[in-house]
Amino acid sequence: MPRKRDYKREYEQYHGRPAQIRQRASRNRARALMIRKHGKAALTNHDVDHRDGNPHNNDPRNLQITTKKYNRSKQ
């Protein structure tokens, strides 16, 4: 039987770190920018991709709407 995830511990050790909070906030800003530009319906079941791979570069020319499968397979 798989062990239950300890979400509180996971947040404290990883997601709660200042660097992770900044990266998440930057990704959220990018999504908000694209929603304002294209509308919420355009992003349904899609992700916002940073073309240069830098989540802090929210220049509109660096952002594109992609499928979740494509964006999450890029590494």
PDB file of N, CA and C in Angstrom:
ATOM      1  N   MET A   1       0.846  -1.180   0.000  1.00  0.00           N
ATOM      2  CA  MET A   1       0.000   0.000   0.000  1.00  0.00           C
ATOM      3  C   MET A   1       0.894   1.247   0.000  1.00  0.00           C
ATOM      4  N   PRO A   2       0.649   2.187  -0.931  1.00  0.00           N
ATOM      5  CA  PRO A   2       1.504   3.373  -1.010  1.00  0.00           C
ATOM      6  C   PRO A   2       1.347   4.272   0.222  1.00  0.00           C
ATOM      7  N   ARG A   3       2.454   4.909   0.549  1.00  0.00           N
ATOM      8  CA  ARG A   3       2.446   5.830   1.677  1.00  0.00           C
ATOM      9  C   ARG A   3       1.719   7.108   1.301  1.00  0.00           C
ATOM     10  N   LYS A   4       1.005   7.692   2.246  1.00  0.00           N
ATOM     11  CA  LYS A   4       0.320   8.958   1.994  1.00  0.00           C
ATOM     12  C   LYS A   4       1.353  10.080   1.896  1.00  0.00           C
ATOM     13  N   ARG A   5       1.072  11.051   1.003  1.00  0.00           N
ATOM     14  CA  ARG A   5       1.957  12.196   0.873  1.00  0.00           C
ATOM     15  C   ARG A   5       1.777  13.124   2.065  1.00  0.00           C
ATOM     16  N   ASP A   6       2.872  13.635   2.555  1.00  0.00           N
ATOM     17  CA  ASP A   6       2.839  14.610   3.644  1.00  0.00           C
ATOM     18  C   ASP A   6       2.963  15.996   2.998  1.00  0.00           C
ATOM     19  N   TYR A   7       1.818  16.573   2.631  1.00  0.00           N
ATOM     20  CA  TYR A   7       1.811  17.827   1.898  1.00  0.00           C
ATOM     21  C   TYR A   7       2.405  18.981   2.711  1.00  0.00           C
ATOM     22  N   LYS A   8       2.160  18.993   4.002  1.00  0.00           N
ATOM     23  CA  LYS A   8       2.689  20.054   4.843  1.00  0.00           C
ATOM     24  C   LYS A   8       4.218  20.022   4.833  1.00  0.00           C
ATOM     25  N   ARG A   9       4.780  18.856   4.981  1.00  0.00           N
ATOM     26  CA  ARG A   9       6.236  18.700   4.968  1.00  0.00           C
ATOM     27  C   ARG A   9       6.804  19.053   3.594  1.00  0.00           C
ATOM     28  N   GLU A  10       6.114  18.608   2.550  1.00  0.00           N
ATOM     29  CA  GLU A  10       6.547  18.893   1.180  1.00  0.00           C
ATOM     30  C   GLU A  10       6.575  20.403   0.930  1.00  0.00           C
ATOM     31  N   TYR A  11       5.550  21.105   1.401  1.00  0.00           N
ATOM     32  CA  TYR A  11       5.507  22.556   1.230  1.00  0.00           C
ATOM     33  C   TYR A  11       6.659  23.210   1.982  1.00  0.00           C
ATOM     34  N   GLU A  12       6.864  22.794   3.230  1.00  0.00           N
ATOM     35  CA  GLU A  12       7.921  23.393   4.041  1.00  0.00           C
ATOM     36  C   GLU A  12       9.301  23.175   3.439  1.00  0.00           C
ATOM     37  N   GLN A  13       9.533  21.994   2.865  1.00  0.00           N
ATOM     38  CA  GLN A  13      10.860  21.658   2.365  1.00  0.00           C
ATOM     39  C   GLN A  13      11.118  22.110   0.930  1.00  0.00           C
ATOM     40  N   TYR A  14      10.054  22.317   0.133  1.00  0.00           N
ATOM     41  CA  TYR A  14      10.291  22.664  -1.261  1.00  0.00           C
ATOM     42  C   TYR A  14       9.446  23.844  -1.716  1.00  0.00           C
ATOM     43  N   HIS A  15       8.134  23.694  -1.725  1.00  0.00           N
ATOM     44  CA  HIS A  15       7.253  24.703  -2.299  1.00  0.00           C
ATOM     45  C   HIS A  15       7.257  26.007  -1.515  1.00  0.00           C
ATOM     46  N   GLY A  16       7.609  25.964  -0.257  1.00  0.00           N
ATOM     47  CA  GLY A  16       7.611  27.158   0.572  1.00  0.00           C
ATOM     48  C   GLY A  16       8.910  27.933   0.531  1.00  0.00           C
ATOM     49  N   ARG A  17       9.893  27.446  -0.195  1.00  0.00           N
ATOM     50  CA  ARG A  17      11.169  28.149  -0.277  1.00  0.00           C
ATOM     51  C   ARG A  17      11.007  29.430  -1.087  1.00  0.00           C
ATOM     52  N   PRO A  18      11.713  30.482  -0.717  1.00  0.00           N
ATOM     53  CA  PRO A  18      11.569  31.765  -1.416  1.00  0.00           C
ATOM     54  C   PRO A  18      11.777  31.675  -2.933  1.00  0.00           C
ATOM     55  N   ALA A  19      12.734  30.893  -3.372  1.00  0.00           N
ATOM     56  CA  ALA A  19      12.986  30.769  -4.820  1.00  0.00           C
ATOM     57  C   ALA A  19      11.784  30.132  -5.520  1.00  0.00           C
ATOM     58  N   GLN A  20      11.193  29.130  -4.905  1.00  0.00           N
ATOM     59  CA  GLN A  20      10.036  28.466  -5.516  1.00  0.00           C
ATOM     60  C   GLN A  20       8.813  29.388  -5.515  1.00  0.00           C
ATOM     61  N   ILE A  21       8.663  30.169  -4.468  1.00  0.00           N
ATOM     62  CA  ILE A  21       7.548  31.116  -4.400  1.00  0.00           C
ATOM     63  C   ILE A  21       7.683  32.150  -5.509  1.00  0.00           C
ATOM     64  N   ARG A  22       8.914  32.664  -5.742  1.00  0.00           N
ATOM     65  CA  ARG A  22       9.144  33.640  -6.818  1.00  0.00           C
ATOM     66  C   ARG A  22       8.852  33.028  -8.183  1.00  0.00           C
ATOM     67  N   GLN A  23       9.301  31.794  -8.408  1.00  0.00           N
ATOM     68  CA  GLN A  23       9.057  31.151  -9.704  1.00  0.00           C
ATOM     69  C   GLN A  23       7.562  30.927  -9.932  1.00  0.00           C
ATOM     70  N   ARG A  24       6.852  30.491  -8.910  1.00  0.00           N
ATOM     71  CA  ARG A  24       5.410  30.265  -9.044  1.00  0.00           C
ATOM     72  C   ARG A  24       4.684  31.577  -9.326  1.00  0.00           C
ATOM     73  N   ALA A  25       5.074  32.646  -8.637  1.00  0.00           N
ATOM     74  CA  ALA A  25       4.459  33.954  -8.853  1.00  0.00           C
ATOM     75  C   ALA A  25       4.708  34.444 -10.270  1.00  0.00           C
ATOM     76  N   SER A  26       5.902  34.199 -10.784  1.00  0.00           N
ATOM     77  CA  SER A  26       6.232  34.614 -12.148  1.00  0.00           C
ATOM     78  C   SER A  26       5.406  33.840 -13.171  1.00  0.00           C
ATOM     79  N   ARG A  27       5.246  32.540 -12.954  1.00  0.00           N
ATOM     80  CA  ARG A  27       4.411  31.737 -13.865  1.00  0.00           C
ATOM     81  C   ARG A  27       2.955  32.192 -13.808  1.00  0.00           C
ATOM     82  N   ASN A  28       2.479  32.530 -12.614  1.00  0.00           N
ATOM     83  CA  ASN A  28       1.107  33.016 -12.472  1.00  0.00           C
ATOM     84  C   ASN A  28       0.920  34.357 -13.186  1.00  0.00           C
ATOM     85  N   ARG A  29       1.933  35.245 -13.109  1.00  0.00           N
ATOM     86  CA  ARG A  29       1.861  36.525 -13.822  1.00  0.00           C
ATOM     87  C   ARG A  29       1.806  36.306 -15.322  1.00  0.00           C
ATOM     88  N   ALA A  30       2.587  35.363 -15.823  1.00  0.00           N
ATOM     89  CA  ALA A  30       2.594  35.066 -17.260  1.00  0.00           C
ATOM     90  C   ALA A  30       1.216  34.589 -17.701  1.00  0.00           C
ATOM     91  N   ARG A  31       0.608  33.713 -16.919  1.00  0.00           N
ATOM     92  CA  ARG A  31      -0.727  33.218 -17.271  1.00  0.00           C
ATOM     93  C   ARG A  31      -1.742  34.362 -17.253  1.00  0.00           C
ATOM     94  N   ALA A  32      -1.660  35.237 -16.253  1.00  0.00           N
ATOM     95  CA  ALA A  32      -2.583  36.377 -16.165  1.00  0.00           C
ATOM     96  C   ALA A  32      -2.423  37.306 -17.367  1.00  0.00           C
ATOM     97  N   LEU A  33      -1.181  37.533 -17.801  1.00  0.00           N
ATOM     98  CA  LEU A  33      -0.935  38.364 -18.985  1.00  0.00           C
ATOM     99  C   LEU A  33      -1.600  37.768 -20.222  1.00  0.00           C
ATOM    100  N   MET A  34      -1.455  36.463 -20.390  1.00  0.00           N
ATOM    101  CA  MET A  34      -2.030  35.813 -21.569  1.00  0.00           C
ATOM    102  C   MET A  34      -3.556  35.774 -21.497  1.00  0.00           C
ATOM    103  N   ILE A  35      -4.109  35.671 -20.312  1.00  0.00           N
ATOM    104  CA  ILE A  35      -5.566  35.709 -20.174  1.00  0.00           C
ATOM    105  C   ILE A  35      -6.081  37.086 -20.571  1.00  0.00           C
ATOM    106  N   ARG A  36      -5.377  38.149 -20.136  1.00  0.00           N
ATOM    107  CA  ARG A  36      -5.791  39.502 -20.511  1.00  0.00           C
ATOM    108  C   ARG A  36      -5.689  39.714 -22.019  1.00  0.00           C
ATOM    109  N   LYS A  37      -4.662  39.136 -22.623  1.00  0.00           N
ATOM    110  CA  LYS A  37      -4.432  39.343 -24.057  1.00  0.00           C
ATOM    111  C   LYS A  37      -5.365  38.492 -24.925  1.00  0.00           C
ATOM    112  N   HIS A  38      -5.580  37.214 -24.565  1.00  0.00           N
ATOM    113  CA  HIS A  38      -6.310  36.279 -25.422  1.00  0.00           C
ATOM    114  C   HIS A  38      -7.660  35.828 -24.863  1.00  0.00           C
ATOM    115  N   GLY A  39      -7.913  36.082 -23.597  1.00  0.00           N
ATOM    116  CA  GLY A  39      -9.152  35.636 -22.973  1.00  0.00           C
ATOM    117  C   GLY A  39      -8.968  34.288 -22.300  1.00  0.00           C
ATOM    118  N   LYS A  40      -9.773  34.055 -21.301  1.00  0.00           N
ATOM    119  CA  LYS A  40      -9.648  32.834 -20.502  1.00  0.00           C
ATOM    120  C   LYS A  40      -9.950  31.576 -21.313  1.00  0.00           C
ATOM    121  N   ALA A  41     -10.879  31.677 -22.258  1.00  0.00           N
ATOM    122  CA  ALA A  41     -11.259  30.507 -23.064  1.00  0.00           C
ATOM    123  C   ALA A  41     -10.081  29.996 -23.888  1.00  0.00           C
ATOM    124  N   ALA A  42      -9.206  30.884 -24.325  1.00  0.00           N
ATOM    125  CA  ALA A  42      -8.060  30.480 -25.145  1.00  0.00           C
ATOM    126  C   ALA A  42      -7.076  29.614 -24.358  1.00  0.00           C
ATOM    127  N   LEU A  43      -7.081  29.749 -23.037  1.00  0.00           N
ATOM    128  CA  LEU A  43      -6.136  28.987 -22.225  1.00  0.00           C
ATOM    129  C   LEU A  43      -6.743  27.746 -21.595  1.00  0.00           C
ATOM    130  N   THR A  44      -8.008  27.485 -21.854  1.00  0.00           N
ATOM    131  CA  THR A  44      -8.641  26.290 -21.314  1.00  0.00           C
ATOM    132  C   THR A  44      -7.919  25.059 -21.853  1.00  0.00           C
ATOM    133  N   ASN A  45      -7.447  24.214 -20.959  1.00  0.00           N
ATOM    134  CA  ASN A  45      -6.697  22.996 -21.306  1.00  0.00           C
ATOM    135  C   ASN A  45      -5.385  23.291 -22.022  1.00  0.00           C
ATOM    136  N   HIS A  46      -4.823  24.470 -21.825  1.00  0.00           N
ATOM    137  CA  HIS A  46      -3.539  24.837 -22.418  1.00  0.00           C
ATOM    138  C   HIS A  46      -2.638  25.441 -21.344  1.00  0.00           C
ATOM    139  N   ASP A  47      -1.352  25.502 -21.645  1.00  0.00           N
ATOM    140  CA  ASP A  47      -0.366  26.116 -20.765  1.00  0.00           C
ATOM    141  C   ASP A  47       0.242  27.322 -21.453  1.00  0.00           C
ATOM    142  N   VAL A  48       0.887  28.170 -20.651  1.00  0.00           N
ATOM    143  CA  VAL A  48       1.660  29.277 -21.195  1.00  0.00           C
ATOM    144  C   VAL A  48       3.114  28.833 -21.188  1.00  0.00           C
ATOM    145  N   ASP A  49       3.740  28.877 -22.348  1.00  0.00           N
ATOM    146  CA  ASP A  49       5.125  28.438 -22.506  1.00  0.00           C
ATOM    147  C   ASP A  49       6.029  29.649 -22.598  1.00  0.00           C
ATOM    148  N   HIS A  50       7.148  29.602 -21.880  1.00  0.00           N
ATOM    149  CA  HIS A  50       8.192  30.610 -22.014  1.00  0.00           C
ATOM    150  C   HIS A  50       9.158  30.077 -23.069  1.00  0.00           C
ATOM    151  N   ARG A  51       9.198  30.717 -24.200  1.00  0.00           N
ATOM    152  CA  ARG A  51       9.999  30.215 -25.329  1.00  0.00           C
ATOM    153  C   ARG A  51      11.466  30.011 -24.961  1.00  0.00           C
ATOM    154  N   ASP A  52      12.026  30.936 -24.173  1.00  0.00           N
ATOM    155  CA  ASP A  52      13.445  30.816 -23.832  1.00  0.00           C
ATOM    156  C   ASP A  52      13.684  29.945 -22.598  1.00  0.00           C
ATOM    157  N   GLY A  53      12.620  29.421 -21.999  1.00  0.00           N
ATOM    158  CA  GLY A  53      12.756  28.533 -20.848  1.00  0.00           C
ATOM    159  C   GLY A  53      12.961  29.252 -19.527  1.00  0.00           C
ATOM    160  N   ASN A  54      12.988  30.583 -19.539  1.00  0.00           N
ATOM    161  CA  ASN A  54      13.199  31.360 -18.328  1.00  0.00           C
ATOM    162  C   ASN A  54      11.848  31.812 -17.777  1.00  0.00           C
ATOM    163  N   PRO A  55      11.393  31.252 -16.646  1.00  0.00           N
ATOM    164  CA  PRO A  55      10.077  31.607 -16.119  1.00  0.00           C
ATOM    165  C   PRO A  55       9.989  33.042 -15.613  1.00  0.00           C
ATOM    166  N   HIS A  56      11.113  33.739 -15.502  1.00  0.00           N
ATOM    167  CA  HIS A  56      11.110  35.124 -15.049  1.00  0.00           C
ATOM    168  C   HIS A  56      10.983  36.112 -16.202  1.00  0.00           C
ATOM    169  N   ASN A  57      11.138  35.653 -17.432  1.00  0.00           N
ATOM    170  CA  ASN A  57      11.055  36.520 -18.602  1.00  0.00           C
ATOM    171  C   ASN A  57       9.619  36.521 -19.114  1.00  0.00           C
ATOM    172  N   ASN A  58       8.818  37.461 -18.637  1.00  0.00           N
ATOM    173  CA  ASN A  58       7.410  37.526 -19.019  1.00  0.00           C
ATOM    174  C   ASN A  58       7.154  38.540 -20.123  1.00  0.00           C
ATOM    175  N   ASP A  59       8.151  38.770 -20.952  1.00  0.00           N
ATOM    176  CA  ASP A  59       7.968  39.622 -22.121  1.00  0.00           C
ATOM    177  C   ASP A  59       6.928  38.956 -23.025  1.00  0.00           C
ATOM    178  N   PRO A  60       5.911  39.691 -23.472  1.00  0.00           N
ATOM    179  CA  PRO A  60       4.871  39.082 -24.314  1.00  0.00           C
ATOM    180  C   PRO A  60       5.415  38.351 -25.544  1.00  0.00           C
ATOM    181  N   ARG A  61       6.564  38.789 -26.061  1.00  0.00           N
ATOM    182  CA  ARG A  61       7.158  38.106 -27.226  1.00  0.00           C
ATOM    183  C   ARG A  61       7.757  36.763 -26.844  1.00  0.00           C
ATOM    184  N   ASN A  62       7.966  36.552 -25.553  1.00  0.00           N
ATOM    185  CA  ASN A  62       8.553  35.301 -25.081  1.00  0.00           C
ATOM    186  C   ASN A  62       7.483  34.280 -24.678  1.00  0.00           C
ATOM    187  N   LEU A  63       6.231  34.693 -24.637  1.00  0.00           N
ATOM    188  CA  LEU A  63       5.160  33.820 -24.178  1.00  0.00           C
ATOM    189  C   LEU A  63       4.355  33.285 -25.351  1.00  0.00           C
ATOM    190  N   GLN A  64       3.953  32.033 -25.241  1.00  0.00           N
ATOM    191  CA  GLN A  64       3.078  31.441 -26.253  1.00  0.00           C
ATOM    192  C   GLN A  64       2.160  30.434 -25.583  1.00  0.00           C
ATOM    193  N   ILE A  65       0.994  30.237 -26.175  1.00  0.00           N
ATOM    194  CA  ILE A  65       0.032  29.266 -25.665  1.00  0.00           C
ATOM    195  C   ILE A  65       0.330  27.934 -26.337  1.00  0.00           C
ATOM    196  N   THR A  66       0.500  26.886 -25.531  1.00  0.00           N
ATOM    197  CA  THR A  66       0.787  25.560 -26.067  1.00  0.00           C
ATOM    198  C   THR A  66      -0.103  24.536 -25.372  1.00  0.00           C
ATOM    199  N   THR A  67      -0.109  23.343 -25.916  1.00  0.00           N
ATOM    200  CA  THR A  67      -0.833  22.268 -25.260  1.00  0.00           C
ATOM    201  C   THR A  67      -0.085  21.880 -23.989  1.00  0.00           C
ATOM    202  N   LYS A  68      -0.808  21.341 -23.046  1.00  0.00           N
ATOM    203  CA  LYS A  68      -0.175  20.902 -21.807  1.00  0.00           C
ATOM    204  C   LYS A  68       0.851  19.812 -22.097  1.00  0.00           C
ATOM    205  N   LYS A  69       0.506  18.908 -23.004  1.00  0.00           N
ATOM    206  CA  LYS A  69       1.394  17.798 -23.321  1.00  0.00           C
ATOM    207  C   LYS A  69       2.727  18.306 -23.852  1.00  0.00           C
ATOM    208  N   TYR A  70       2.685  19.264 -24.779  1.00  0.00           N
ATOM    209  CA  TYR A  70       3.923  19.808 -25.342  1.00  0.00           C
ATOM    210  C   TYR A  70       4.739  20.533 -24.270  1.00  0.00           C
ATOM    211  N   ASN A  71       4.089  21.424 -23.534  1.00  0.00           N
ATOM    212  CA  ASN A  71       4.814  22.247 -22.572  1.00  0.00           C
ATOM    213  C   ASN A  71       5.416  21.422 -21.454  1.00  0.00           C
ATOM    214  N   ARG A  72       4.723  20.414 -21.001  1.00  0.00           N
ATOM    215  CA  ARG A  72       5.211  19.626 -19.870  1.00  0.00           C
ATOM    216  C   ARG A  72       6.196  18.544 -20.289  1.00  0.00           C
ATOM    217  N   SER A  73       6.332  18.317 -21.579  1.00  0.00           N
ATOM    218  CA  SER A  73       7.314  17.344 -22.053  1.00  0.00           C
ATOM    219  C   SER A  73       8.655  18.015 -22.339  1.00  0.00           C
ATOM    220  N   LYS A  74       8.652  19.343 -22.455  1.00  0.00           N
ATOM    221  CA  LYS A  74       9.905  20.079 -22.674  1.00  0.00           C
ATOM    222  C   LYS A  74      10.725  20.073 -21.396  1.00  0.00           C
ATOM    223  N   GLN A  75      11.989  19.818 -21.511  1.00  0.00           N
ATOM    224  CA  GLN A  75      12.846  19.882 -20.329  1.00  0.00           C
ATOM    225  C   GLN A  75      14.186  20.395 -20.689  1.00  0.00           C
TER     226      GLN A  75
END
